[in-house]
Amino acid sequence: GAQKAAEIAKENTTELNPFNNIKEYTFNPNTELRDFAQSCGMGDHESVSRWVEMWSMVLQVCKDKRDQGSKVFVMRHKDKTLGEEGILGKAQQAEIVMAKGYEFVEGKDLIFVDFN
């Protein structure tokens, strides 16, 4: 089950980033954690209760690939008066805390990207 999710995260699905001309894999937890759960045969209820486990596996893969330039990017609202410093969801706050627990450092390999 959960091992299948980790295997999917390790796939070399890449796209050419038009901004830096580098091939990269982007994982969007808003949609892809659900895909991971489904690939593991989990229903919605189980996937909700196991999102921490699945996100941890994604972060472990990122950490293991850090020497290849792996980074965690976090979208936040440009208006820092919204949410907590522009972070609008509580789940996203937890994802950030977990990334820091995997030794991602803000400004180095934990990058915040502002949006309107």
Protein backbone atom coordinates (compact mmCIF):
# COMPACT_ATOMS: atom_id res chain seq x y z
CA GLY A 1 0.00 0.00 0.00
CA ALA A 2 2.11 2.88 1.28
CA GLN A 3 5.21 1.46 -0.41
CA LYS A 4 3.46 1.83 -3.76
CA ALA A 5 3.07 5.55 -3.10
CA ALA A 6 6.80 5.88 -2.47
CA GLU A 7 7.55 4.02 -5.70
CA ILE A 8 5.34 6.40 -7.67
CA ALA A 9 7.14 9.39 -6.16
CA LYS A 10 10.45 7.99 -7.36
CA GLU A 11 9.34 7.84 -10.99
CA ASN A 12 11.28 10.06 -13.36
CA THR A 13 8.25 11.96 -14.60
CA THR A 14 9.77 15.27 -15.63
CA GLU A 15 8.79 18.40 -17.46
CA LEU A 16 10.99 21.13 -18.85
CA ASN A 17 10.63 24.23 -16.67
CA PRO A 18 10.43 27.17 -19.11
CA PHE A 19 11.87 29.55 -16.51
CA ASN A 20 15.17 27.79 -15.88
CA ASN A 21 15.35 25.25 -18.75
CA ILE A 22 15.77 22.38 -16.26
CA LYS A 23 13.80 19.14 -16.32
CA GLU A 24 12.02 18.64 -13.03
CA TYR A 25 9.30 16.63 -11.35
CA THR A 26 6.66 18.59 -9.52
CA PHE A 27 4.46 16.99 -6.88
CA ASN A 28 1.24 18.80 -6.01
CA PRO A 29 -0.06 17.38 -2.71
CA ASN A 30 -3.51 18.87 -3.34
CA THR A 31 -4.10 16.40 -6.14
CA GLU A 32 -1.34 13.84 -6.11
CA LEU A 33 -1.71 12.57 -2.55
CA ARG A 34 -5.19 11.48 -3.63
CA ASP A 35 -3.69 9.76 -6.68
CA PHE A 36 -1.13 8.01 -4.45
CA ALA A 37 -3.88 6.83 -2.14
CA GLN A 38 -5.95 5.48 -5.02
CA SER A 39 -2.93 3.67 -6.46
CA CYS A 40 -2.53 2.00 -3.05
CA GLY A 41 -6.18 0.93 -3.03
CA MET A 42 -7.19 3.41 -0.34
CA GLY A 43 -10.60 5.01 -0.27
CA ASP A 44 -11.20 8.66 0.61
CA HIS A 45 -11.64 8.00 4.34
CA GLU A 46 -8.42 6.02 4.67
CA SER A 47 -6.42 8.44 2.53
CA VAL A 48 -7.48 11.38 4.72
CA SER A 49 -6.31 9.56 7.82
CA ARG A 50 -2.99 8.58 6.21
CA TRP A 51 -2.02 11.83 4.43
CA VAL A 52 0.75 12.47 6.97
CA GLU A 53 2.29 9.09 6.19
CA MET A 54 2.10 9.67 2.44
CA TRP A 55 3.47 13.22 2.66
CA SER A 56 6.33 11.88 4.79
CA MET A 57 7.24 9.44 2.04
CA VAL A 58 7.27 12.23 -0.53
CA LEU A 59 9.54 14.32 1.71
CA GLN A 60 11.87 11.36 2.22
CA VAL A 61 12.25 10.97 -1.55
CA CYS A 62 12.96 14.71 -1.82
CA LYS A 63 15.52 14.48 0.96
CA ASP A 64 17.18 11.45 -0.68
CA LYS A 65 17.44 13.41 -3.94
CA ARG A 66 18.69 16.63 -2.33
CA ASP A 67 22.15 16.08 -3.86
CA GLN A 68 20.40 16.25 -7.24
CA GLY A 69 18.91 19.66 -6.42
CA SER A 70 15.62 18.53 -4.89
CA LYS A 71 13.69 21.35 -3.21
CA VAL A 72 10.29 21.86 -1.59
CA PHE A 73 8.33 24.80 -2.99
CA VAL A 74 5.38 26.21 -1.07
CA MET A 75 2.78 28.51 -2.58
CA ARG A 76 1.63 31.35 -0.33
CA HIS A 77 -0.54 34.40 -0.88
CA LYS A 78 1.26 37.63 -1.66
CA ASP A 79 -0.90 39.40 0.95
CA LYS A 80 0.80 38.27 4.17
CA THR A 81 -2.16 39.53 6.25
CA LEU A 82 -4.17 36.55 4.94
CA GLY A 83 -3.91 33.29 6.85
CA GLU A 84 -0.62 32.90 8.66
CA GLU A 85 1.96 34.93 6.72
CA GLY A 86 0.07 34.15 3.49
CA ILE A 87 -0.26 30.41 4.20
CA LEU A 88 -3.99 29.84 3.87
CA GLY A 89 -4.56 26.27 5.03
CA LYS A 90 -3.81 24.40 8.25
CA ALA A 91 -2.77 21.31 6.30
CA GLN A 92 -0.24 23.42 4.43
CA GLN A 93 1.15 24.64 7.77
CA ALA A 94 1.66 21.00 8.77
CA GLU A 95 3.36 20.23 5.44
CA ILE A 96 5.83 23.06 6.10
CA VAL A 97 6.55 21.87 9.65
CA MET A 98 7.16 18.37 8.31
CA ALA A 99 9.49 19.65 5.56
CA LYS A 100 11.54 21.45 8.22
CA GLY A 101 11.61 18.20 10.19
CA TYR A 102 13.20 16.57 7.15
CA GLU A 103 15.88 19.27 7.37
CA PHE A 104 14.67 21.47 4.52
CA VAL A 105 15.82 25.00 5.25
CA GLU A 106 13.73 28.05 4.41
CA GLY A 107 15.40 30.08 1.68
CA LYS A 108 17.79 27.26 0.73
CA ASP A 109 15.76 24.21 -0.25
CA LEU A 110 12.40 25.18 1.27
CA ILE A 111 11.26 27.93 -1.09
CA PHE A 112 8.16 30.08 -0.69
CA VAL A 113 6.54 31.34 -3.90
CA ASP A 114 4.08 34.22 -3.68
CA PHE A 115 0.86 34.37 -5.71
CA ASN A 116 -2.01 36.87 -6.01
